[in-house]
Amino acid sequence: MKRPASIEEYLEQVGNGRASAFGRRFRRQFQDSRGTAELAMLAAPSEEEYADFCRLVAGMTEEEKANVGLLYAEEVRTVAQRCHADPGNAAIFLNGYALTQQRNRQKNDTRNE
């Protein structure tokens, strides 16, 4: 059985698309009139978004990291403020991580049946 990715490993995976030509092209496809691309944020984050993610992960407690899927919106906002990260970016990143963890657990459960 494959071990689930840690939040640090997930951060590294998300960061891989930020400087690539594919990432820039991908973001352009999803940009709104203000130039933001929330739908592309986890596939190809901007440097600013990635910096927010890094500050967030670096400032989280081990308990928060272990229980990302259980954090309420207000708790995510509090963690983001404490870590000097944008609360919206934090919510997108943490939700993406929680969904990835859930999907991986479901895959492992299916394999073990």
PDB file of N, CA and C in Angstrom:
ATOM      1  N   MET A   1       0.831  -1.169   0.000  1.00  0.00           N
ATOM      2  CA  MET A   1       0.000   0.000   0.000  1.00  0.00           C
ATOM      3  C   MET A   1       0.886   1.246   0.000  1.00  0.00           C
ATOM      4  N   LYS A   2       0.553   2.195  -0.846  1.00  0.00           N
ATOM      5  CA  LYS A   2       1.326   3.426  -0.953  1.00  0.00           C
ATOM      6  C   LYS A   2       0.990   4.371   0.195  1.00  0.00           C
ATOM      7  N   ARG A   3       2.004   4.968   0.768  1.00  0.00           N
ATOM      8  CA  ARG A   3       1.842   5.930   1.848  1.00  0.00           C
ATOM      9  C   ARG A   3       1.277   7.232   1.282  1.00  0.00           C
ATOM     10  N   PRO A   4       0.286   7.826   1.969  1.00  0.00           N
ATOM     11  CA  PRO A   4      -0.258   9.103   1.498  1.00  0.00           C
ATOM     12  C   PRO A   4       0.812  10.192   1.526  1.00  0.00           C
ATOM     13  N   ALA A   5       0.716  11.114   0.598  1.00  0.00           N
ATOM     14  CA  ALA A   5       1.677  12.220   0.538  1.00  0.00           C
ATOM     15  C   ALA A   5       1.485  13.135   1.746  1.00  0.00           C
ATOM     16  N   SER A   6       2.578  13.602   2.287  1.00  0.00           N
ATOM     17  CA  SER A   6       2.502  14.586   3.363  1.00  0.00           C
ATOM     18  C   SER A   6       2.128  15.930   2.740  1.00  0.00           C
ATOM     19  N   ILE A   7       1.765  16.870   3.575  1.00  0.00           N
ATOM     20  CA  ILE A   7       1.404  18.192   3.054  1.00  0.00           C
ATOM     21  C   ILE A   7       2.618  18.868   2.419  1.00  0.00           C
ATOM     22  N   GLU A   8       3.804  18.574   2.930  1.00  0.00           N
ATOM     23  CA  GLU A   8       5.028  19.124   2.336  1.00  0.00           C
ATOM     24  C   GLU A   8       5.259  18.545   0.935  1.00  0.00           C
ATOM     25  N   GLU A   9       4.998  17.252   0.777  1.00  0.00           N
ATOM     26  CA  GLU A   9       5.132  16.613  -0.540  1.00  0.00           C
ATOM     27  C   GLU A   9       4.088  17.162  -1.515  1.00  0.00           C
ATOM     28  N   TYR A  10       2.878  17.386  -1.017  1.00  0.00           N
ATOM     29  CA  TYR A  10       1.822  17.973  -1.848  1.00  0.00           C
ATOM     30  C   TYR A  10       2.226  19.376  -2.287  1.00  0.00           C
ATOM     31  N   LEU A  11       2.790  20.157  -1.381  1.00  0.00           N
ATOM     32  CA  LEU A  11       3.273  21.502  -1.706  1.00  0.00           C
ATOM     33  C   LEU A  11       4.295  21.440  -2.828  1.00  0.00           C
ATOM     34  N   GLU A  12       5.199  20.499  -2.747  1.00  0.00           N
ATOM     35  CA  GLU A  12       6.216  20.342  -3.789  1.00  0.00           C
ATOM     36  C   GLU A  12       5.571  19.987  -5.131  1.00  0.00           C
ATOM     37  N   GLN A  13       4.591  19.088  -5.119  1.00  0.00           N
ATOM     38  CA  GLN A  13       3.893  18.703  -6.349  1.00  0.00           C
ATOM     39  C   GLN A  13       3.181  19.903  -6.970  1.00  0.00           C
ATOM     40  N   VAL A  14       2.490  20.676  -6.137  1.00  0.00           N
ATOM     41  CA  VAL A  14       1.779  21.864  -6.626  1.00  0.00           C
ATOM     42  C   VAL A  14       2.771  22.869  -7.204  1.00  0.00           C
ATOM     43  N   GLY A  15       3.917  23.014  -6.566  1.00  0.00           N
ATOM     44  CA  GLY A  15       4.917  23.971  -7.011  1.00  0.00           C
ATOM     45  C   GLY A  15       5.581  23.627  -8.321  1.00  0.00           C
ATOM     46  N   ASN A  16       5.529  22.364  -8.726  1.00  0.00           N
ATOM     47  CA  ASN A  16       6.184  21.950  -9.968  1.00  0.00           C
ATOM     48  C   ASN A  16       5.654  22.681 -11.201  1.00  0.00           C
ATOM     49  N   GLY A  17       4.384  23.046 -11.216  1.00  0.00           N
ATOM     50  CA  GLY A  17       3.807  23.676 -12.400  1.00  0.00           C
ATOM     51  C   GLY A  17       3.967  25.176 -12.472  1.00  0.00           C
ATOM     52  N   ARG A  18       4.558  25.785 -11.460  1.00  0.00           N
ATOM     53  CA  ARG A  18       4.546  27.254 -11.406  1.00  0.00           C
ATOM     54  C   ARG A  18       5.485  27.928 -12.391  1.00  0.00           C
ATOM     55  N   ALA A  19       6.558  27.312 -12.788  1.00  0.00           N
ATOM     56  CA  ALA A  19       7.526  27.995 -13.639  1.00  0.00           C
ATOM     57  C   ALA A  19       7.604  27.398 -15.046  1.00  0.00           C
ATOM     58  N   SER A  20       6.693  26.496 -15.357  1.00  0.00           N
ATOM     59  CA  SER A  20       6.785  25.824 -16.649  1.00  0.00           C
ATOM     60  C   SER A  20       5.967  26.552 -17.718  1.00  0.00           C
ATOM     61  N   ALA A  21       6.336  26.347 -18.964  1.00  0.00           N
ATOM     62  CA  ALA A  21       5.582  26.918 -20.084  1.00  0.00           C
ATOM     63  C   ALA A  21       4.160  26.363 -20.082  1.00  0.00           C
ATOM     64  N   PHE A  22       4.020  25.083 -19.780  1.00  0.00           N
ATOM     65  CA  PHE A  22       2.683  24.486 -19.701  1.00  0.00           C
ATOM     66  C   PHE A  22       1.848  25.186 -18.634  1.00  0.00           C
ATOM     67  N   GLY A  23       2.439  25.440 -17.470  1.00  0.00           N
ATOM     68  CA  GLY A  23       1.730  26.108 -16.378  1.00  0.00           C
ATOM     69  C   GLY A  23       1.248  27.490 -16.780  1.00  0.00           C
ATOM     70  N   ARG A  24       2.101  28.254 -17.445  1.00  0.00           N
ATOM     71  CA  ARG A  24       1.699  29.597 -17.893  1.00  0.00           C
ATOM     72  C   ARG A  24       0.549  29.513 -18.898  1.00  0.00           C
ATOM     73  N   ARG A  25       0.646  28.579 -19.821  1.00  0.00           N
ATOM     74  CA  ARG A  25      -0.412  28.397 -20.827  1.00  0.00           C
ATOM     75  C   ARG A  25      -1.709  27.953 -20.154  1.00  0.00           C
ATOM     76  N   PHE A  26      -1.602  27.040 -19.211  1.00  0.00           N
ATOM     77  CA  PHE A  26      -2.758  26.540 -18.474  1.00  0.00           C
ATOM     78  C   PHE A  26      -3.450  27.672 -17.723  1.00  0.00           C
ATOM     79  N   ARG A  27      -2.678  28.512 -17.034  1.00  0.00           N
ATOM     80  CA  ARG A  27      -3.246  29.634 -16.291  1.00  0.00           C
ATOM     81  C   ARG A  27      -3.959  30.611 -17.225  1.00  0.00           C
ATOM     82  N   ARG A  28      -3.363  30.892 -18.369  1.00  0.00           N
ATOM     83  CA  ARG A  28      -3.995  31.828 -19.315  1.00  0.00           C
ATOM     84  C   ARG A  28      -5.379  31.346 -19.736  1.00  0.00           C
ATOM     85  N   GLN A  29      -5.544  30.049 -19.871  1.00  0.00           N
ATOM     86  CA  GLN A  29      -6.835  29.495 -20.278  1.00  0.00           C
ATOM     87  C   GLN A  29      -7.916  29.748 -19.236  1.00  0.00           C
ATOM     88  N   PHE A  30      -7.541  29.893 -17.989  1.00  0.00           N
ATOM     89  CA  PHE A  30      -8.512  30.047 -16.911  1.00  0.00           C
ATOM     90  C   PHE A  30      -8.552  31.447 -16.306  1.00  0.00           C
ATOM     91  N   GLN A  31      -7.826  32.389 -16.878  1.00  0.00           N
ATOM     92  CA  GLN A  31      -7.805  33.743 -16.323  1.00  0.00           C
ATOM     93  C   GLN A  31      -9.153  34.429 -16.483  1.00  0.00           C
ATOM     94  N   ASP A  32      -9.507  35.181 -15.436  1.00  0.00           N
ATOM     95  CA  ASP A  32     -10.706  36.004 -15.528  1.00  0.00           C
ATOM     96  C   ASP A  32     -10.306  37.402 -15.986  1.00  0.00           C
ATOM     97  N   SER A  33     -11.248  38.321 -15.979  1.00  0.00           N
ATOM     98  CA  SER A  33     -10.975  39.670 -16.481  1.00  0.00           C
ATOM     99  C   SER A  33      -9.934  40.412 -15.651  1.00  0.00           C
ATOM    100  N   ARG A  34      -9.687  39.979 -14.418  1.00  0.00           N
ATOM    101  CA  ARG A  34      -8.673  40.608 -13.564  1.00  0.00           C
ATOM    102  C   ARG A  34      -7.320  39.930 -13.682  1.00  0.00           C
ATOM    103  N   GLY A  35      -7.248  38.861 -14.458  1.00  0.00           N
ATOM    104  CA  GLY A  35      -5.982  38.158 -14.627  1.00  0.00           C
ATOM    105  C   GLY A  35      -5.735  37.069 -13.607  1.00  0.00           C
ATOM    106  N   THR A  36      -6.709  36.840 -12.717  1.00  0.00           N
ATOM    107  CA  THR A  36      -6.546  35.768 -11.744  1.00  0.00           C
ATOM    108  C   THR A  36      -7.055  34.465 -12.339  1.00  0.00           C
ATOM    109  N   ALA A  37      -6.581  33.371 -11.802  1.00  0.00           N
ATOM    110  CA  ALA A  37      -6.934  32.058 -12.351  1.00  0.00           C
ATOM    111  C   ALA A  37      -7.085  31.052 -11.217  1.00  0.00           C
ATOM    112  N   GLU A  38      -8.116  31.232 -10.394  1.00  0.00           N
ATOM    113  CA  GLU A  38      -8.299  30.347  -9.252  1.00  0.00           C
ATOM    114  C   GLU A  38      -8.423  28.888  -9.657  1.00  0.00           C
ATOM    115  N   LEU A  39      -9.054  28.626 -10.798  1.00  0.00           N
ATOM    116  CA  LEU A  39      -9.221  27.236 -11.231  1.00  0.00           C
ATOM    117  C   LEU A  39      -7.890  26.571 -11.564  1.00  0.00           C
ATOM    118  N   ALA A  40      -6.888  27.355 -11.867  1.00  0.00           N
ATOM    119  CA  ALA A  40      -5.581  26.809 -12.225  1.00  0.00           C
ATOM    120  C   ALA A  40      -4.583  26.866 -11.075  1.00  0.00           C
ATOM    121  N   MET A  41      -4.992  27.404  -9.953  1.00  0.00           N
ATOM    122  CA  MET A  41      -4.068  27.686  -8.862  1.00  0.00           C
ATOM    123  C   MET A  41      -3.288  26.461  -8.383  1.00  0.00           C
ATOM    124  N   LEU A  42      -3.914  25.310  -8.311  1.00  0.00           N
ATOM    125  CA  LEU A  42      -3.212  24.135  -7.801  1.00  0.00           C
ATOM    126  C   LEU A  42      -2.433  23.398  -8.878  1.00  0.00           C
ATOM    127  N   ALA A  43      -2.763  23.647 -10.147  1.00  0.00           N
ATOM    128  CA  ALA A  43      -2.027  23.009 -11.243  1.00  0.00           C
ATOM    129  C   ALA A  43      -0.814  23.837 -11.636  1.00  0.00           C
ATOM    130  N   ALA A  44      -0.959  25.154 -11.551  1.00  0.00           N
ATOM    131  CA  ALA A  44       0.128  26.046 -11.963  1.00  0.00           C
ATOM    132  C   ALA A  44       0.038  27.350 -11.170  1.00  0.00           C
ATOM    133  N   PRO A  45       0.431  27.325  -9.908  1.00  0.00           N
ATOM    134  CA  PRO A  45       0.325  28.540  -9.092  1.00  0.00           C
ATOM    135  C   PRO A  45       1.297  29.620  -9.550  1.00  0.00           C
ATOM    136  N   SER A  46       0.878  30.869  -9.332  1.00  0.00           N
ATOM    137  CA  SER A  46       1.809  31.978  -9.563  1.00  0.00           C
ATOM    138  C   SER A  46       2.853  31.937  -8.454  1.00  0.00           C
ATOM    139  N   GLU A  47       3.910  32.693  -8.622  1.00  0.00           N
ATOM    140  CA  GLU A  47       4.945  32.738  -7.575  1.00  0.00           C
ATOM    141  C   GLU A  47       4.350  33.262  -6.270  1.00  0.00           C
ATOM    142  N   GLU A  48       3.475  34.253  -6.357  1.00  0.00           N
ATOM    143  CA  GLU A  48       2.847  34.819  -5.163  1.00  0.00           C
ATOM    144  C   GLU A  48       1.959  33.780  -4.458  1.00  0.00           C
ATOM    145  N   GLU A  49       1.164  33.052  -5.245  1.00  0.00           N
ATOM    146  CA  GLU A  49       0.315  32.011  -4.661  1.00  0.00           C
ATOM    147  C   GLU A  49       1.166  30.931  -4.007  1.00  0.00           C
ATOM    148  N   TYR A  50       2.220  30.515  -4.703  1.00  0.00           N
ATOM    149  CA  TYR A  50       3.097  29.479  -4.164  1.00  0.00           C
ATOM    150  C   TYR A  50       3.775  29.958  -2.872  1.00  0.00           C
ATOM    151  N   ALA A  51       4.160  31.215  -2.823  1.00  0.00           N
ATOM    152  CA  ALA A  51       4.759  31.767  -1.601  1.00  0.00           C
ATOM    153  C   ALA A  51       3.758  31.714  -0.448  1.00  0.00           C
ATOM    154  N   ASP A  52       2.488  32.012  -0.731  1.00  0.00           N
ATOM    155  CA  ASP A  52       1.446  31.878   0.289  1.00  0.00           C
ATOM    156  C   ASP A  52       1.356  30.442   0.785  1.00  0.00           C
ATOM    157  N   PHE A  53       1.364  29.498  -0.143  1.00  0.00           N
ATOM    158  CA  PHE A  53       1.284  28.081   0.227  1.00  0.00           C
ATOM    159  C   PHE A  53       2.471  27.696   1.108  1.00  0.00           C
ATOM    160  N   CYS A  54       3.654  28.152   0.741  1.00  0.00           N
ATOM    161  CA  CYS A  54       4.871  27.825   1.509  1.00  0.00           C
ATOM    162  C   CYS A  54       4.795  28.396   2.921  1.00  0.00           C
ATOM    163  N   ARG A  55       4.374  29.662   3.044  1.00  0.00           N
ATOM    164  CA  ARG A  55       4.242  30.271   4.380  1.00  0.00           C
ATOM    165  C   ARG A  55       3.205  29.514   5.206  1.00  0.00           C
ATOM    166  N   LEU A  56       2.133  29.120   4.556  1.00  0.00           N
ATOM    167  CA  LEU A  56       1.070  28.403   5.240  1.00  0.00           C
ATOM    168  C   LEU A  56       1.585  27.079   5.806  1.00  0.00           C
ATOM    169  N   VAL A  57       2.205  26.271   4.971  1.00  0.00           N
ATOM    170  CA  VAL A  57       2.691  24.954   5.401  1.00  0.00           C
ATOM    171  C   VAL A  57       3.773  25.114   6.465  1.00  0.00           C
ATOM    172  N   ALA A  58       4.658  26.071   6.285  1.00  0.00           N
ATOM    173  CA  ALA A  58       5.743  26.276   7.256  1.00  0.00           C
ATOM    174  C   ALA A  58       5.202  26.691   8.627  1.00  0.00           C
ATOM    175  N   GLY A  59       4.098  27.422   8.638  1.00  0.00           N
ATOM    176  CA  GLY A  59       3.569  27.932   9.898  1.00  0.00           C
ATOM    177  C   GLY A  59       2.525  27.068  10.574  1.00  0.00           C
ATOM    178  N   MET A  60       2.106  26.002   9.911  1.00  0.00           N
ATOM    179  CA  MET A  60       1.089  25.130  10.498  1.00  0.00           C
ATOM    180  C   MET A  60       1.684  24.234  11.572  1.00  0.00           C
ATOM    181  N   THR A  61       0.888  23.931  12.570  1.00  0.00           N
ATOM    182  CA  THR A  61       1.322  22.978  13.589  1.00  0.00           C
ATOM    183  C   THR A  61       1.212  21.565  13.020  1.00  0.00           C
ATOM    184  N   GLU A  62       1.878  20.615  13.650  1.00  0.00           N
ATOM    185  CA  GLU A  62       1.784  19.216  13.217  1.00  0.00           C
ATOM    186  C   GLU A  62       0.342  18.718  13.317  1.00  0.00           C
ATOM    187  N   GLU A  63      -0.357  19.145  14.339  1.00  0.00           N
ATOM    188  CA  GLU A  63      -1.761  18.744  14.504  1.00  0.00           C
ATOM    189  C   GLU A  63      -2.619  19.282  13.357  1.00  0.00           C
ATOM    190  N   GLU A  64      -2.411  20.530  12.975  1.00  0.00           N
ATOM    191  CA  GLU A  64      -3.162  21.100  11.849  1.00  0.00           C
ATOM    192  C   GLU A  64      -2.854  20.348  10.561  1.00  0.00           C
ATOM    193  N   LYS A  65      -1.585  20.035  10.347  1.00  0.00           N
ATOM    194  CA  LYS A  65      -1.189  19.296   9.143  1.00  0.00           C
ATOM    195  C   LYS A  65      -1.826  17.917   9.102  1.00  0.00           C
ATOM    196  N   ALA A  66      -1.916  17.271  10.251  1.00  0.00           N
ATOM    197  CA  ALA A  66      -2.474  15.920  10.311  1.00  0.00           C
ATOM    198  C   ALA A  66      -3.990  15.904  10.171  1.00  0.00           C
ATOM    199  N   ASN A  67      -4.624  17.045  10.406  1.00  0.00           N
ATOM    200  CA  ASN A  67      -6.085  17.105  10.404  1.00  0.00           C
ATOM    201  C   ASN A  67      -6.635  18.154   9.446  1.00  0.00           C
ATOM    202  N   VAL A  68      -5.986  18.345   8.329  1.00  0.00           N
ATOM    203  CA  VAL A  68      -6.389  19.368   7.369  1.00  0.00           C
ATOM    204  C   VAL A  68      -7.857  19.221   6.983  1.00  0.00           C
ATOM    205  N   GLY A  69      -8.296  18.006   6.745  1.00  0.00           N
ATOM    206  CA  GLY A  69      -9.674  17.775   6.311  1.00  0.00           C
ATOM    207  C   GLY A  69     -10.720  18.099   7.358  1.00  0.00           C
ATOM    208  N   LEU A  70     -10.303  18.298   8.591  1.00  0.00           N
ATOM    209  CA  LEU A  70     -11.237  18.589   9.677  1.00  0.00           C
ATOM    210  C   LEU A  70     -11.296  20.072  10.035  1.00  0.00           C
ATOM    211  N   LEU A  71     -10.475  20.892   9.385  1.00  0.00           N
ATOM    212  CA  LEU A  71     -10.457  22.319   9.701  1.00  0.00           C
ATOM    213  C   LEU A  71     -11.692  23.014   9.132  1.00  0.00           C
ATOM    214  N   TYR A  72     -12.341  23.790   9.954  1.00  0.00           N
ATOM    215  CA  TYR A  72     -13.478  24.600   9.515  1.00  0.00           C
ATOM    216  C   TYR A  72     -12.967  25.859   8.835  1.00  0.00           C
ATOM    217  N   ALA A  73     -13.841  26.539   8.112  1.00  0.00           N
ATOM    218  CA  ALA A  73     -13.460  27.745   7.371  1.00  0.00           C
ATOM    219  C   ALA A  73     -12.834  28.791   8.290  1.00  0.00           C
ATOM    220  N   GLU A  74     -13.400  28.980   9.456  1.00  0.00           N
ATOM    221  CA  GLU A  74     -12.859  29.972  10.393  1.00  0.00           C
ATOM    222  C   GLU A  74     -11.467  29.567  10.878  1.00  0.00           C
ATOM    223  N   GLU A  75     -11.254  28.271  11.068  1.00  0.00           N
ATOM    224  CA  GLU A  75      -9.930  27.798  11.486  1.00  0.00           C
ATOM    225  C   GLU A  75      -8.905  27.998  10.375  1.00  0.00           C
ATOM    226  N   VAL A  76      -9.303  27.753   9.129  1.00  0.00           N
ATOM    227  CA  VAL A  76      -8.413  27.980   7.985  1.00  0.00           C
ATOM    228  C   VAL A  76      -8.047  29.460   7.922  1.00  0.00           C
ATOM    229  N   ARG A  77      -9.023  30.324   8.110  1.00  0.00           N
ATOM    230  CA  ARG A  77      -8.778  31.771   8.096  1.00  0.00           C
ATOM    231  C   ARG A  77      -7.795  32.161   9.202  1.00  0.00           C
ATOM    232  N   THR A  78      -7.977  31.593  10.383  1.00  0.00           N
ATOM    233  CA  THR A  78      -7.093  31.887  11.513  1.00  0.00           C
ATOM    234  C   THR A  78      -5.668  31.411  11.236  1.00  0.00           C
ATOM    235  N   VAL A  79      -5.530  30.200  10.710  1.00  0.00           N
ATOM    236  CA  VAL A  79      -4.209  29.665  10.369  1.00  0.00           C
ATOM    237  C   VAL A  79      -3.553  30.552   9.317  1.00  0.00           C
ATOM    238  N   ALA A  80      -4.307  30.939   8.290  1.00  0.00           N
ATOM    239  CA  ALA A  80      -3.761  31.783   7.224  1.00  0.00           C
ATOM    240  C   ALA A  80      -3.272  33.119   7.781  1.00  0.00           C
ATOM    241  N   GLN A  81      -4.065  33.734   8.640  1.00  0.00           N
ATOM    242  CA  GLN A  81      -3.655  35.009   9.222  1.00  0.00           C
ATOM    243  C   GLN A  81      -2.389  34.854  10.050  1.00  0.00           C
ATOM    244  N   ARG A  82      -2.331  33.794  10.842  1.00  0.00           N
ATOM    245  CA  ARG A  82      -1.148  33.544  11.672  1.00  0.00           C
ATOM    246  C   ARG A  82       0.100  33.340  10.812  1.00  0.00           C
ATOM    247  N   CYS A  83      -0.092  32.731   9.627  1.00  0.00           N
ATOM    248  CA  CYS A  83       1.028  32.406   8.740  1.00  0.00           C
ATOM    249  C   CYS A  83       1.285  33.491   7.690  1.00  0.00           C
ATOM    250  N   HIS A  84       0.541  34.575   7.755  1.00  0.00           N
ATOM    251  CA  HIS A  84       0.679  35.683   6.807  1.00  0.00           C
ATOM    252  C   HIS A  84       0.452  35.222   5.373  1.00  0.00           C
ATOM    253  N   ALA A  85      -0.602  34.389   5.194  1.00  0.00           N
ATOM    254  CA  ALA A  85      -0.986  33.898   3.873  1.00  0.00           C
ATOM    255  C   ALA A  85      -2.391  34.390   3.553  1.00  0.00           C
ATOM    256  N   ASP A  86      -2.685  34.556   2.283  1.00  0.00           N
ATOM    257  CA  ASP A  86      -4.017  34.962   1.858  1.00  0.00           C
ATOM    258  C   ASP A  86      -5.018  33.875   2.250  1.00  0.00           C
ATOM    259  N   PRO A  87      -6.093  34.222   2.957  1.00  0.00           N
ATOM    260  CA  PRO A  87      -7.064  33.210   3.391  1.00  0.00           C
ATOM    261  C   PRO A  87      -7.717  32.446   2.237  1.00  0.00           C
ATOM    262  N   GLY A  88      -7.979  33.112   1.129  1.00  0.00           N
ATOM    263  CA  GLY A  88      -8.565  32.432  -0.032  1.00  0.00           C
ATOM    264  C   GLY A  88      -7.607  31.414  -0.621  1.00  0.00           C
ATOM    265  N   ASN A  89      -6.347  31.808  -0.786  1.00  0.00           N
ATOM    266  CA  ASN A  89      -5.329  30.881  -1.291  1.00  0.00           C
ATOM    267  C   ASN A  89      -5.159  29.705  -0.329  1.00  0.00           C
ATOM    268  N   ALA A  90      -5.168  30.010   0.961  1.00  0.00           N
ATOM    269  CA  ALA A  90      -5.019  28.953   1.968  1.00  0.00           C
ATOM    270  C   ALA A  90      -6.161  27.951   1.871  1.00  0.00           C
ATOM    271  N   ALA A  91      -7.384  28.448   1.730  1.00  0.00           N
ATOM    272  CA  ALA A  91      -8.545  27.556   1.644  1.00  0.00           C
ATOM    273  C   ALA A  91      -8.459  26.674   0.409  1.00  0.00           C
ATOM    274  N   ILE A  92      -8.079  27.238  -0.713  1.00  0.00           N
ATOM    275  CA  ILE A  92      -7.964  26.454  -1.947  1.00  0.00           C
ATOM    276  C   ILE A  92      -6.888  25.383  -1.796  1.00  0.00           C
ATOM    277  N   PHE A  93      -5.733  25.756  -1.268  1.00  0.00           N
ATOM    278  CA  PHE A  93      -4.638  24.801  -1.103  1.00  0.00           C
ATOM    279  C   PHE A  93      -5.017  23.686  -0.132  1.00  0.00           C
ATOM    280  N   LEU A  94      -5.542  24.051   1.021  1.00  0.00           N
ATOM    281  CA  LEU A  94      -5.870  23.042   2.030  1.00  0.00           C
ATOM    282  C   LEU A  94      -7.017  22.145   1.576  1.00  0.00           C
ATOM    283  N   ASN A  95      -8.000  22.700   0.899  1.00  0.00           N
ATOM    284  CA  ASN A  95      -9.084  21.873   0.367  1.00  0.00           C
ATOM    285  C   ASN A  95      -8.558  20.921  -0.700  1.00  0.00           C
ATOM    286  N   GLY A  96      -7.664  21.413  -1.543  1.00  0.00           N
ATOM    287  CA  GLY A  96      -7.060  20.554  -2.560  1.00  0.00           C
ATOM    288  C   GLY A  96      -6.292  19.406  -1.931  1.00  0.00           C
ATOM    289  N   TYR A  97      -5.552  19.701  -0.890  1.00  0.00           N
ATOM    290  CA  TYR A  97      -4.798  18.653  -0.192  1.00  0.00           C
ATOM    291  C   TYR A  97      -5.752  17.648   0.456  1.00  0.00           C
ATOM    292  N   ALA A  98      -6.781  18.147   1.126  1.00  0.00           N
ATOM    293  CA  ALA A  98      -7.737  17.253   1.787  1.00  0.00           C
ATOM    294  C   ALA A  98      -8.434  16.354   0.771  1.00  0.00           C
ATOM    295  N   LEU A  99      -8.812  16.902  -0.373  1.00  0.00           N
ATOM    296  CA  LEU A  99      -9.461  16.093  -1.414  1.00  0.00           C
ATOM    297  C   LEU A  99      -8.510  15.044  -1.987  1.00  0.00           C
ATOM    298  N   THR A 100      -7.262  15.421  -2.156  1.00  0.00           N
ATOM    299  CA  THR A 100      -6.257  14.471  -2.655  1.00  0.00           C
ATOM    300  C   THR A 100      -6.075  13.331  -1.659  1.00  0.00           C
ATOM    301  N   GLN A 101      -6.002  13.659  -0.378  1.00  0.00           N
ATOM    302  CA  GLN A 101      -5.850  12.633   0.653  1.00  0.00           C
ATOM    303  C   GLN A 101      -7.065  11.701   0.664  1.00  0.00           C
ATOM    304  N   GLN A 102      -8.246  12.276   0.566  1.00  0.00           N
ATOM    305  CA  GLN A 102      -9.475  11.479   0.574  1.00  0.00           C
ATOM    306  C   GLN A 102      -9.522  10.542  -0.631  1.00  0.00           C
ATOM    307  N   ARG A 103      -9.184  11.062  -1.804  1.00  0.00           N
ATOM    308  CA  ARG A 103      -9.175  10.246  -3.020  1.00  0.00           C
ATOM    309  C   ARG A 103      -8.159   9.112  -2.902  1.00  0.00           C
ATOM    310  N   ASN A 104      -6.984   9.390  -2.353  1.00  0.00           N
ATOM    311  CA  ASN A 104      -5.957   8.348  -2.187  1.00  0.00           C
ATOM    312  C   ASN A 104      -6.401   7.278  -1.191  1.00  0.00           C
ATOM    313  N   ARG A 105      -7.071   7.690  -0.113  1.00  0.00           N
ATOM    314  CA  ARG A 105      -7.581   6.711   0.852  1.00  0.00           C
ATOM    315  C   ARG A 105      -8.627   5.814   0.205  1.00  0.00           C
ATOM    316  N   GLN A 106      -9.493   6.405  -0.615  1.00  0.00           N
ATOM    317  CA  GLN A 106     -10.521   5.614  -1.293  1.00  0.00           C
ATOM    318  C   GLN A 106      -9.892   4.618  -2.264  1.00  0.00           C
ATOM    319  N   LYS A 107      -8.864   5.042  -2.976  1.00  0.00           N
ATOM    320  CA  LYS A 107      -8.163   4.125  -3.888  1.00  0.00           C
ATOM    321  C   LYS A 107      -7.555   2.968  -3.111  1.00  0.00           C
ATOM    322  N   ASN A 108      -6.902   3.280  -1.999  1.00  0.00           N
ATOM    323  CA  ASN A 108      -6.273   2.232  -1.187  1.00  0.00           C
ATOM    324  C   ASN A 108      -7.321   1.295  -0.611  1.00  0.00           C
ATOM    325  N   ASP A 109      -8.455   1.833  -0.169  1.00  0.00           N
ATOM    326  CA  ASP A 109      -9.525   0.995   0.378  1.00  0.00           C
ATOM    327  C   ASP A 109     -10.062   0.039  -0.689  1.00  0.00           C
ATOM    328  N   THR A 110     -10.209   0.539  -1.916  1.00  0.00           N
ATOM    329  CA  THR A 110     -10.719  -0.270  -3.017  1.00  0.00           C
ATOM    330  C   THR A 110      -9.745  -1.394  -3.336  1.00  0.00           C
ATOM    331  N   ARG A 111      -8.460  -1.102  -3.308  1.00  0.00           N
ATOM    332  CA  ARG A 111      -7.440  -2.120  -3.590  1.00  0.00           C
ATOM    333  C   ARG A 111      -7.409  -3.208  -2.523  1.00  0.00           C
ATOM    334  N   ASN A 112      -7.732  -2.841  -1.297  1.00  0.00           N
ATOM    335  CA  ASN A 112      -7.659  -3.786  -0.177  1.00  0.00           C
ATOM    336  C   ASN A 112      -8.902  -4.656  -0.049  1.00  0.00           C
ATOM    337  N   GLU A 113      -9.923  -4.393  -0.841  1.00  0.00           N
ATOM    338  CA  GLU A 113     -11.155  -5.185  -0.733  1.00  0.00           C
ATOM    339  C   GLU A 113     -11.045  -6.497  -1.461  1.00  0.00           C
TER     340      GLU A 113
END
